[in-house]
């Protein structure tokens, strides 16, 4: 009887810790500012296989002029580059407007009941999780992907979300993905300011049709934040 009571207490403690972890992470997601990007003016620096581009977003300007391409590989952009840049931004704006979900929550990222504490230091908690998915196709892809989530204790906000494959992914006939790595980093926009996305890093490497290799890496950095009303 004493052993049964001891086991019951351990189970209750484990359940309590699981609930507290979910609540802890949910509160950390709530700390992220959900007015990005429309509520902010900022600089976007993109580095990928095509080079480096720097652009400025200002929602105080007319919608079609909100994005301004400043430079490409350290030089003034050509008319063609500016036109292609504006077309890409217009497509992304339309896609974003068609998405009903604007703020990011724990339910958008973490499949229910999969959050596990991996490490705790004096600076942060680090959790492992199974990525949440909306479709069977996404679920099949994410079956080979591990999620990592870090919550800073100072300010209590999500500072890192990472999705990384643990083995080769075969999303379709003749396609294999050997490396899949996406990292989202968050931090203060300025001293004592709100928490906003600072860096988006993505890497995909693999092979298509058994002989066409692809290796794509992109790093997007957001900086020089000012509130839109300013």
C-alpha atoms as a PDB file:
ATOM      1  CA  UNK A   1       0.000   0.000   0.000  1.00  0.00           C
ATOM      2  CA  UNK A   2       2.843   2.332   0.848  1.00  0.00           C
ATOM      3  CA  UNK A   3       4.480   1.585  -2.552  1.00  0.00           C
ATOM      4  CA  UNK A   4       1.208   2.258  -4.384  1.00  0.00           C
ATOM      5  CA  UNK A   5       0.847   5.592  -2.586  1.00  0.00           C
ATOM      6  CA  UNK A   6       4.434   6.522  -3.460  1.00  0.00           C
ATOM      7  CA  UNK A   7       3.886   5.684  -7.149  1.00  0.00           C
ATOM      8  CA  UNK A   8       0.650   7.689  -7.187  1.00  0.00           C
ATOM      9  CA  UNK A   9       2.435  10.705  -5.734  1.00  0.00           C
ATOM     10  CA  UNK A  10       5.158  10.439  -8.396  1.00  0.00           C
ATOM     11  CA  UNK A  11       2.547  10.307 -11.163  1.00  0.00           C
ATOM     12  CA  UNK A  12       0.730  13.324  -9.751  1.00  0.00           C
ATOM     13  CA  UNK A  13       3.989  15.231  -9.525  1.00  0.00           C
ATOM     14  CA  UNK A  14       4.840  14.386 -13.121  1.00  0.00           C
ATOM     15  CA  UNK A  15       1.419  15.547 -14.305  1.00  0.00           C
ATOM     16  CA  UNK A  16       1.767  18.745 -12.324  1.00  0.00           C
ATOM     17  CA  UNK A  17       5.160  19.441 -13.872  1.00  0.00           C
ATOM     18  CA  UNK A  18       3.732  18.823 -17.367  1.00  0.00           C
ATOM     19  CA  UNK A  19       0.902  21.289 -16.785  1.00  0.00           C
ATOM     20  CA  UNK A  20       3.268  23.886 -15.389  1.00  0.00           C
ATOM     21  CA  UNK A  21       5.560  23.501 -18.394  1.00  0.00           C
ATOM     22  CA  UNK A  22       2.674  24.091 -20.796  1.00  0.00           C
ATOM     23  CA  UNK A  23       1.577  27.134 -18.828  1.00  0.00           C
ATOM     24  CA  UNK A  24       5.146  28.430 -18.612  1.00  0.00           C
ATOM     25  CA  UNK A  25       5.645  28.193 -22.381  1.00  0.00           C
ATOM     26  CA  UNK A  26       2.197  29.586 -23.163  1.00  0.00           C
ATOM     27  CA  UNK A  27       2.991  32.654 -21.050  1.00  0.00           C
ATOM     28  CA  UNK A  28       6.312  33.008 -22.872  1.00  0.00           C
ATOM     29  CA  UNK A  29       4.503  33.015 -26.237  1.00  0.00           C
ATOM     30  CA  UNK A  30       2.127  35.666 -24.922  1.00  0.00           C
ATOM     31  CA  UNK A  31       5.144  37.938 -24.402  1.00  0.00           C
ATOM     32  CA  UNK A  32       5.792  38.075 -28.175  1.00  0.00           C
ATOM     33  CA  UNK A  33       4.510  41.267 -29.809  1.00  0.00           C
ATOM     34  CA  UNK A  34       1.822  40.277 -32.327  1.00  0.00           C
ATOM     35  CA  UNK A  35       1.772  43.646 -34.126  1.00  0.00           C
ATOM     36  CA  UNK A  36       4.789  42.679 -36.270  1.00  0.00           C
ATOM     37  CA  UNK A  37       5.233  43.586 -39.062  1.00  0.00           C
ATOM     38  CA  UNK A  38       2.449  46.130 -39.685  1.00  0.00           C
ATOM     39  CA  UNK A  39       2.948  47.877 -36.365  1.00  0.00           C
ATOM     40  CA  UNK A  40       6.633  48.528 -36.944  1.00  0.00           C
ATOM     41  CA  UNK A  41       9.121  50.240 -39.203  1.00  0.00           C
ATOM     42  CA  UNK A  42      12.317  48.180 -39.538  1.00  0.00           C
ATOM     43  CA  UNK A  43      15.275  47.190 -41.703  1.00  0.00           C
ATOM     44  CA  UNK A  44      15.405  43.736 -43.286  1.00  0.00           C
ATOM     45  CA  UNK A  45      18.762  42.240 -44.313  1.00  0.00           C
ATOM     46  CA  UNK A  46      18.580  39.070 -46.412  1.00  0.00           C
ATOM     47  CA  UNK A  47      21.604  36.871 -47.135  1.00  0.00           C
ATOM     48  CA  UNK A  48      21.266  33.843 -49.415  1.00  0.00           C
ATOM     49  CA  UNK A  49      22.801  32.218 -52.471  1.00  0.00           C
ATOM     50  CA  UNK A  50      21.812  35.181 -54.616  1.00  0.00           C
ATOM     51  CA  UNK A  51      23.684  37.701 -52.479  1.00  0.00           C
ATOM     52  CA  UNK A  52      22.801  40.270 -49.828  1.00  0.00           C
ATOM     53  CA  UNK A  53      19.923  42.724 -49.996  1.00  0.00           C
ATOM     54  CA  UNK A  54      18.870  45.428 -47.548  1.00  0.00           C
ATOM     55  CA  UNK A  55      15.361  46.870 -47.471  1.00  0.00           C
ATOM     56  CA  UNK A  56      13.304  49.137 -45.247  1.00  0.00           C
ATOM     57  CA  UNK A  57       9.669  48.620 -44.303  1.00  0.00           C
ATOM     58  CA  UNK A  58       7.542  51.588 -43.244  1.00  0.00           C
ATOM     59  CA  UNK A  59       3.786  50.998 -42.801  1.00  0.00           C
ATOM     60  CA  UNK A  60       3.240  54.767 -42.590  1.00  0.00           C
ATOM     61  CA  UNK A  61       3.771  54.931 -46.360  1.00  0.00           C
ATOM     62  CA  UNK A  62       1.107  53.848 -48.912  1.00  0.00           C
ATOM     63  CA  UNK A  63       0.767  50.054 -49.049  1.00  0.00           C
ATOM     64  CA  UNK A  64       2.386  49.737 -52.487  1.00  0.00           C
ATOM     65  CA  UNK A  65       5.362  51.798 -51.282  1.00  0.00           C
ATOM     66  CA  UNK A  66       5.715  50.370 -47.780  1.00  0.00           C
ATOM     67  CA  UNK A  67       8.760  48.315 -48.800  1.00  0.00           C
ATOM     68  CA  UNK A  68      11.812  50.136 -50.173  1.00  0.00           C
ATOM     69  CA  UNK A  69      14.766  48.149 -51.548  1.00  0.00           C
ATOM     70  CA  UNK A  70      17.871  50.042 -50.431  1.00  0.00           C
ATOM     71  CA  UNK A  71      20.784  47.988 -51.770  1.00  0.00           C
ATOM     72  CA  UNK A  72      21.803  44.740 -53.445  1.00  0.00           C
ATOM     73  CA  UNK A  73      25.305  43.465 -52.717  1.00  0.00           C
ATOM     74  CA  UNK A  74      26.310  46.912 -51.519  1.00  0.00           C
ATOM     75  CA  UNK A  75      25.154  48.793 -54.627  1.00  0.00           C
ATOM     76  CA  UNK A  76      22.032  50.608 -55.711  1.00  0.00           C
ATOM     77  CA  UNK A  77      19.415  48.160 -57.055  1.00  0.00           C
ATOM     78  CA  UNK A  78      18.464  48.124 -60.730  1.00  0.00           C
ATOM     79  CA  UNK A  79      14.916  48.829 -61.913  1.00  0.00           C
ATOM     80  CA  UNK A  80      14.433  45.114 -62.636  1.00  0.00           C
ATOM     81  CA  UNK A  81      15.616  44.114 -59.152  1.00  0.00           C
ATOM     82  CA  UNK A  82      13.335  46.705 -57.562  1.00  0.00           C
ATOM     83  CA  UNK A  83      10.352  45.513 -59.608  1.00  0.00           C
ATOM     84  CA  UNK A  84      10.961  41.846 -58.763  1.00  0.00           C
ATOM     85  CA  UNK A  85      11.412  42.744 -55.101  1.00  0.00           C
ATOM     86  CA  UNK A  86       8.086  44.620 -55.002  1.00  0.00           C
ATOM     87  CA  UNK A  87       6.313  41.711 -56.727  1.00  0.00           C
ATOM     88  CA  UNK A  88       7.647  39.226 -54.149  1.00  0.00           C
ATOM     89  CA  UNK A  89       6.586  41.432 -51.263  1.00  0.00           C
ATOM     90  CA  UNK A  90       3.113  41.907 -52.782  1.00  0.00           C
ATOM     91  CA  UNK A  91       2.645  38.122 -53.066  1.00  0.00           C
ATOM     92  CA  UNK A  92       3.743  37.615 -49.465  1.00  0.00           C
ATOM     93  CA  UNK A  93       1.420  40.387 -48.277  1.00  0.00           C
ATOM     94  CA  UNK A  94      -1.523  38.742 -50.047  1.00  0.00           C
ATOM     95  CA  UNK A  95      -0.651  35.359 -48.536  1.00  0.00           C
ATOM     96  CA  UNK A  96      -0.392  36.887 -45.062  1.00  0.00           C
ATOM     97  CA  UNK A  97      -3.723  38.691 -45.411  1.00  0.00           C
ATOM     98  CA  UNK A  98      -5.427  35.434 -46.364  1.00  0.00           C
ATOM     99  CA  UNK A  99      -4.165  33.808 -43.161  1.00  0.00           C
ATOM    100  CA  UNK A 100      -6.621  34.301 -40.293  1.00  0.00           C
ATOM    101  CA  UNK A 101      -3.977  33.545 -37.650  1.00  0.00           C
ATOM    102  CA  UNK A 102      -1.781  36.565 -36.916  1.00  0.00           C
ATOM    103  CA  UNK A 103      -0.281  35.938 -33.476  1.00  0.00           C
ATOM    104  CA  UNK A 104       1.859  32.885 -32.733  1.00  0.00           C
ATOM    105  CA  UNK A 105       0.832  30.703 -29.811  1.00  0.00           C
ATOM    106  CA  UNK A 106       2.014  27.459 -28.264  1.00  0.00           C
ATOM    107  CA  UNK A 107      -0.808  25.626 -30.057  1.00  0.00           C
ATOM    108  CA  UNK A 108       0.488  26.809 -33.446  1.00  0.00           C
ATOM    109  CA  UNK A 109       3.953  25.379 -32.833  1.00  0.00           C
ATOM    110  CA  UNK A 110       3.692  22.520 -30.330  1.00  0.00           C
ATOM    111  CA  UNK A 111       1.609  19.377 -30.741  1.00  0.00           C
ATOM    112  CA  UNK A 112      -0.513  18.834 -27.637  1.00  0.00           C
ATOM    113  CA  UNK A 113       1.113  16.759 -24.919  1.00  0.00           C
ATOM    114  CA  UNK A 114       4.588  16.632 -26.507  1.00  0.00           C
ATOM    115  CA  UNK A 115       6.421  19.343 -24.556  1.00  0.00           C
ATOM    116  CA  UNK A 116       9.388  17.939 -22.610  1.00  0.00           C
ATOM    117  CA  UNK A 117      11.923  19.853 -20.505  1.00  0.00           C
ATOM    118  CA  UNK A 118      15.422  19.012 -21.762  1.00  0.00           C
ATOM    119  CA  UNK A 119      17.574  21.464 -19.865  1.00  0.00           C
ATOM    120  CA  UNK A 120      17.314  24.196 -17.263  1.00  0.00           C
ATOM    121  CA  UNK A 121      20.037  26.715 -16.466  1.00  0.00           C
ATOM    122  CA  UNK A 122      20.073  29.958 -14.527  1.00  0.00           C
ATOM    123  CA  UNK A 123      19.336  31.765 -17.841  1.00  0.00           C
ATOM    124  CA  UNK A 124      16.754  29.649 -19.640  1.00  0.00           C
ATOM    125  CA  UNK A 125      14.524  26.602 -19.949  1.00  0.00           C
ATOM    126  CA  UNK A 126      14.973  24.485 -23.074  1.00  0.00           C
ATOM    127  CA  UNK A 127      12.176  22.192 -24.242  1.00  0.00           C
ATOM    128  CA  UNK A 128      11.832  19.530 -26.890  1.00  0.00           C
ATOM    129  CA  UNK A 129       8.544  19.114 -28.735  1.00  0.00           C
ATOM    130  CA  UNK A 130       6.798  17.565 -31.720  1.00  0.00           C
ATOM    131  CA  UNK A 131       5.842  20.289 -34.239  1.00  0.00           C
ATOM    132  CA  UNK A 132       2.116  20.916 -34.630  1.00  0.00           C
ATOM    133  CA  UNK A 133       0.658  20.317 -38.119  1.00  0.00           C
ATOM    134  CA  UNK A 134      -2.623  21.035 -39.898  1.00  0.00           C
ATOM    135  CA  UNK A 135      -2.571  18.411 -42.676  1.00  0.00           C
ATOM    136  CA  UNK A 136      -1.594  14.769 -43.076  1.00  0.00           C
ATOM    137  CA  UNK A 137       1.072  15.810 -45.587  1.00  0.00           C
ATOM    138  CA  UNK A 138       2.664  18.185 -43.076  1.00  0.00           C
ATOM    139  CA  UNK A 139       2.396  15.552 -40.354  1.00  0.00           C
ATOM    140  CA  UNK A 140       4.233  13.023 -42.529  1.00  0.00           C
ATOM    141  CA  UNK A 141       7.033  15.539 -43.147  1.00  0.00           C
ATOM    142  CA  UNK A 142       7.309  16.605 -39.502  1.00  0.00           C
ATOM    143  CA  UNK A 143       7.466  12.975 -38.402  1.00  0.00           C
ATOM    144  CA  UNK A 144      11.207  13.212 -39.041  1.00  0.00           C
ATOM    145  CA  UNK A 145      11.680  16.654 -37.476  1.00  0.00           C
ATOM    146  CA  UNK A 146      12.494  17.538 -33.861  1.00  0.00           C
ATOM    147  CA  UNK A 147      11.470  20.823 -32.305  1.00  0.00           C
ATOM    148  CA  UNK A 148      13.464  22.830 -29.782  1.00  0.00           C
ATOM    149  CA  UNK A 149      12.102  25.788 -27.858  1.00  0.00           C
ATOM    150  CA  UNK A 150      13.989  28.049 -25.464  1.00  0.00           C
ATOM    151  CA  UNK A 151      12.433  30.403 -22.899  1.00  0.00           C
ATOM    152  CA  UNK A 152      14.588  33.073 -21.281  1.00  0.00           C
ATOM    153  CA  UNK A 153      14.049  33.545 -17.558  1.00  0.00           C
ATOM    154  CA  UNK A 154      14.947  37.250 -17.683  1.00  0.00           C
ATOM    155  CA  UNK A 155      11.797  38.745 -19.209  1.00  0.00           C
ATOM    156  CA  UNK A 156      10.161  35.323 -19.636  1.00  0.00           C
ATOM    157  CA  UNK A 157       9.805  35.137 -23.407  1.00  0.00           C
ATOM    158  CA  UNK A 158      10.505  32.677 -26.214  1.00  0.00           C
ATOM    159  CA  UNK A 159      14.014  33.411 -27.517  1.00  0.00           C
ATOM    160  CA  UNK A 160      14.453  30.461 -29.897  1.00  0.00           C
ATOM    161  CA  UNK A 161      12.328  28.072 -31.917  1.00  0.00           C
ATOM    162  CA  UNK A 162      14.199  25.473 -33.966  1.00  0.00           C
ATOM    163  CA  UNK A 163      13.011  22.703 -36.284  1.00  0.00           C
ATOM    164  CA  UNK A 164      15.675  20.216 -37.400  1.00  0.00           C
ATOM    165  CA  UNK A 165      15.471  16.824 -39.078  1.00  0.00           C
ATOM    166  CA  UNK A 166      16.948  13.832 -37.290  1.00  0.00           C
ATOM    167  CA  UNK A 167      17.017  11.635 -40.415  1.00  0.00           C
ATOM    168  CA  UNK A 168      16.531  11.857 -44.172  1.00  0.00           C
ATOM    169  CA  UNK A 169      13.108  13.088 -45.293  1.00  0.00           C
ATOM    170  CA  UNK A 170      11.505  11.848 -48.522  1.00  0.00           C
ATOM    171  CA  UNK A 171       8.557  14.203 -49.143  1.00  0.00           C
ATOM    172  CA  UNK A 172       7.858  12.992 -52.685  1.00  0.00           C
ATOM    173  CA  UNK A 173       8.952  10.622 -55.416  1.00  0.00           C
ATOM    174  CA  UNK A 174      12.563  11.197 -56.366  1.00  0.00           C
ATOM    175  CA  UNK A 175      13.142  13.838 -53.669  1.00  0.00           C
ATOM    176  CA  UNK A 176      15.213  13.438 -50.532  1.00  0.00           C
ATOM    177  CA  UNK A 177      16.080  16.073 -47.938  1.00  0.00           C
ATOM    178  CA  UNK A 178      19.265  15.353 -46.047  1.00  0.00           C
ATOM    179  CA  UNK A 179      19.334  18.573 -44.004  1.00  0.00           C
ATOM    180  CA  UNK A 180      16.383  20.653 -42.858  1.00  0.00           C
ATOM    181  CA  UNK A 181      17.058  23.338 -40.281  1.00  0.00           C
ATOM    182  CA  UNK A 182      14.896  26.361 -39.472  1.00  0.00           C
ATOM    183  CA  UNK A 183      15.664  28.716 -36.580  1.00  0.00           C
ATOM    184  CA  UNK A 184      13.604  31.654 -35.351  1.00  0.00           C
ATOM    185  CA  UNK A 185      15.292  33.943 -32.840  1.00  0.00           C
ATOM    186  CA  UNK A 186      13.464  36.579 -30.797  1.00  0.00           C
ATOM    187  CA  UNK A 187      14.626  39.432 -28.601  1.00  0.00           C
ATOM    188  CA  UNK A 188      13.944  42.937 -27.400  1.00  0.00           C
ATOM    189  CA  UNK A 189      13.421  45.472 -30.183  1.00  0.00           C
ATOM    190  CA  UNK A 190      15.298  47.936 -27.976  1.00  0.00           C
ATOM    191  CA  UNK A 191      16.086  48.299 -24.274  1.00  0.00           C
ATOM    192  CA  UNK A 192      12.983  47.437 -22.238  1.00  0.00           C
ATOM    193  CA  UNK A 193      11.051  47.227 -25.522  1.00  0.00           C
ATOM    194  CA  UNK A 194       8.672  44.523 -26.779  1.00  0.00           C
ATOM    195  CA  UNK A 195       9.849  41.106 -27.984  1.00  0.00           C
ATOM    196  CA  UNK A 196      10.047  40.824 -31.784  1.00  0.00           C
ATOM    197  CA  UNK A 197      11.612  38.431 -34.313  1.00  0.00           C
ATOM    198  CA  UNK A 198      15.288  39.250 -34.872  1.00  0.00           C
ATOM    199  CA  UNK A 199      16.612  36.436 -37.063  1.00  0.00           C
ATOM    200  CA  UNK A 200      15.107  33.779 -39.337  1.00  0.00           C
ATOM    201  CA  UNK A 201      17.641  31.216 -40.534  1.00  0.00           C
ATOM    202  CA  UNK A 202      16.712  28.376 -42.885  1.00  0.00           C
ATOM    203  CA  UNK A 203      18.749  25.640 -44.513  1.00  0.00           C
ATOM    204  CA  UNK A 204      17.591  22.902 -46.883  1.00  0.00           C
ATOM    205  CA  UNK A 205      19.954  20.444 -48.536  1.00  0.00           C
ATOM    206  CA  UNK A 206      19.217  17.340 -50.547  1.00  0.00           C
ATOM    207  CA  UNK A 207      18.696  15.808 -53.957  1.00  0.00           C
ATOM    208  CA  UNK A 208      15.888  15.739 -56.544  1.00  0.00           C
ATOM    209  CA  UNK A 209      15.349  13.217 -59.342  1.00  0.00           C
ATOM    210  CA  UNK A 210      18.272  11.228 -57.897  1.00  0.00           C
ATOM    211  CA  UNK A 211      20.934  13.517 -59.415  1.00  0.00           C
ATOM    212  CA  UNK A 212      20.001  17.193 -59.027  1.00  0.00           C
ATOM    213  CA  UNK A 213      21.504  18.488 -55.814  1.00  0.00           C
ATOM    214  CA  UNK A 214      20.107  21.506 -54.004  1.00  0.00           C
ATOM    215  CA  UNK A 215      21.681  23.411 -51.146  1.00  0.00           C
ATOM    216  CA  UNK A 216      19.845  26.535 -50.047  1.00  0.00           C
ATOM    217  CA  UNK A 217      20.624  28.684 -47.034  1.00  0.00           C
ATOM    218  CA  UNK A 218      18.950  31.971 -46.152  1.00  0.00           C
ATOM    219  CA  UNK A 219      19.382  34.276 -43.205  1.00  0.00           C
ATOM    220  CA  UNK A 220      17.024  37.191 -42.574  1.00  0.00           C
ATOM    221  CA  UNK A 221      17.849  39.750 -39.927  1.00  0.00           C
ATOM    222  CA  UNK A 222      15.468  42.446 -38.625  1.00  0.00           C
ATOM    223  CA  UNK A 223      16.859  45.577 -36.999  1.00  0.00           C
ATOM    224  CA  UNK A 224      16.421  49.337 -36.442  1.00  0.00           C
ATOM    225  CA  UNK A 225      12.891  48.990 -35.102  1.00  0.00           C
ATOM    226  CA  UNK A 226      10.585  51.963 -34.659  1.00  0.00           C
ATOM    227  CA  UNK A 227       6.903  51.934 -33.888  1.00  0.00           C
ATOM    228  CA  UNK A 228       4.765  52.657 -36.931  1.00  0.00           C
ATOM    229  CA  UNK A 229       3.229  55.745 -35.337  1.00  0.00           C
ATOM    230  CA  UNK A 230       6.712  57.259 -34.940  1.00  0.00           C
END
